[in-house]
Protein backbone atom coordinates (compact mmCIF):
# COMPACT_ATOMS: atom_id res chain seq x y z
CA MET A 1 113.72 113.52 149.14
CA ASN A 2 116.33 111.48 147.31
CA THR A 3 115.34 108.25 145.58
CA LYS A 4 117.64 105.59 144.21
CA LEU A 5 117.89 105.22 140.42
CA THR A 6 119.63 102.27 138.79
CA LEU A 7 121.29 102.87 135.42
CA ARG A 8 122.79 100.13 133.30
CA LEU A 9 125.84 101.52 131.50
CA ASP A 10 129.06 100.23 130.00
CA GLU A 11 131.56 99.65 132.83
CA ARG A 12 134.23 101.72 131.04
CA LEU A 13 131.83 104.65 130.83
CA ILE A 14 131.05 104.32 134.54
CA ALA A 15 134.78 104.30 135.36
CA ARG A 16 135.35 107.40 133.24
CA ALA A 17 132.39 109.14 134.86
CA LYS A 18 133.72 108.33 138.35
CA ASP A 19 137.18 109.63 137.41
CA TYR A 20 135.68 112.82 135.99
CA ALA A 21 133.55 113.32 139.10
CA ALA A 22 136.55 112.81 141.40
CA VAL A 23 138.68 115.30 139.48
CA HIS A 24 135.88 117.88 139.66
CA GLY A 25 135.00 117.26 143.32
CA SER A 26 131.60 115.81 142.57
CA SER A 27 129.85 112.46 142.36
CA VAL A 28 128.30 110.60 139.47
CA SER A 29 124.92 111.00 141.16
CA GLN A 30 125.37 114.77 141.40
CA MET A 31 126.51 114.97 137.76
CA VAL A 32 123.44 113.02 136.61
CA ALA A 33 121.17 115.20 138.78
CA ASN A 34 122.73 118.37 137.33
CA TYR A 35 122.33 117.00 133.80
CA PHE A 36 118.66 116.14 134.32
CA ALA A 37 118.05 119.56 135.89
CA ALA A 38 119.68 121.27 132.89
CA LEU A 39 117.63 119.18 130.44
CA THR A 40 114.33 119.97 132.10
CA GLN A 41 115.23 123.64 132.51
CA LYS A 42 116.01 123.88 128.79
CA ALA A 43 112.78 122.06 127.90
CA ASP A 44 110.80 124.45 130.13
CA ALA A 45 112.48 127.46 128.51
CA ASN A 46 111.73 126.12 125.01
CA ALA A 47 108.10 125.49 125.91
CA LYS A 48 107.79 129.01 127.31
CA ALA A 49 109.41 130.54 124.21
CA THR A 50 106.97 128.82 121.87
CA LYS A 51 103.85 129.46 123.97
CA PRO A 52 101.88 132.47 122.69
CA ASP A 53 101.39 135.21 125.23
CA ASN A 54 98.62 137.79 125.45
CA ALA A 55 100.73 140.62 124.06
CA ALA A 56 101.89 138.83 120.92
CA GLY A 57 98.88 136.65 120.19
CA ASP A 58 99.52 133.63 118.01
CA VAL A 59 102.63 134.88 116.21
CA GLY A 60 105.65 132.60 116.06
CA PRO A 61 108.48 132.66 118.58
CA VAL A 62 110.91 134.48 116.28
CA THR A 63 108.43 137.28 115.58
CA ARG A 64 107.58 137.52 119.28
CA ARG A 65 111.27 137.87 120.23
CA LEU A 66 111.79 140.56 117.59
CA THR A 67 108.65 142.52 118.47
CA GLY A 68 109.54 145.95 119.80
CA ILE A 69 113.31 145.87 119.30
CA LEU A 70 113.20 148.60 116.66
CA LYS A 71 111.88 151.97 117.74
CA ALA A 72 109.93 154.27 115.44
CA GLN A 73 111.58 157.43 114.16
CA PRO A 74 110.44 160.66 115.84
CA GLY A 75 107.05 161.62 114.44
CA GLN A 76 106.32 158.10 113.15
CA PRO A 77 103.89 155.70 114.88
CA GLN A 78 105.27 152.59 116.61
CA VAL A 79 104.39 149.48 114.59
CA ASN A 80 102.87 146.60 116.57
CA VAL A 81 102.08 142.95 115.87
CA ASP A 82 98.63 143.79 114.49
CA ASP A 83 100.19 146.24 112.01
CA TYR A 84 102.65 143.58 110.90
CA ARG A 85 99.90 140.97 110.54
CA ALA A 86 97.82 143.40 108.46
CA TYR A 87 100.87 144.12 106.28
CA LEU A 88 101.42 140.40 105.65
CA GLU A 89 97.74 139.89 104.82
CA ARG A 90 97.86 142.75 102.30
CA LYS A 91 101.11 141.48 100.83
CA TYR A 92 100.20 137.81 100.47
CA LEU A 93 96.41 137.78 100.37
CA GLY A 94 95.70 141.13 98.74
CA SER A 95 93.49 143.81 100.22
CA GLU A 96 90.35 142.98 98.23
CA GLY A 97 87.56 141.83 100.50
CA LYS A 98 89.71 142.27 103.58
CA ASN A 99 89.07 144.59 106.49
CA THR A 100 92.66 145.73 106.65
CA PRO A 101 93.49 149.42 106.70
CA PRO A 102 95.93 150.78 104.13
CA ALA A 103 99.58 150.78 105.07
CA LYS A 104 100.71 153.62 107.33
CA ARG A 105 103.28 155.80 105.61
C-alpha cells in the first residue's frame, strides 16, 4: 500500500531531482523509496553484524568475522573462540587464580 509523504525541500533541489529521475527513467518518489530501502537494509545488516550469535558468544564483530578463516596446519588442533579468549585472559590478566588451561603448542 502506497502512502503519500510530503517533503519540504529547496525548489532547486527538487528540480535537479526531477531532471535526474527523468534522465534515469525513474521518478523522485521511486528514488526516495529506493534510498530509504537502502538505508534500512544497511541498518539491518549493521545490526546483524554486531549482534552476538550462539557460535561466537559475546566477541566483537571483527573477531566474529575473522573466526575460522585460518585453518590449522596438519596435525595441529583448530583454534576456536574459547581458545582465543583463554589466550587473551592469560596474556592480559595472567594465569594466577584463573581456570584457564596452558596454551596449546
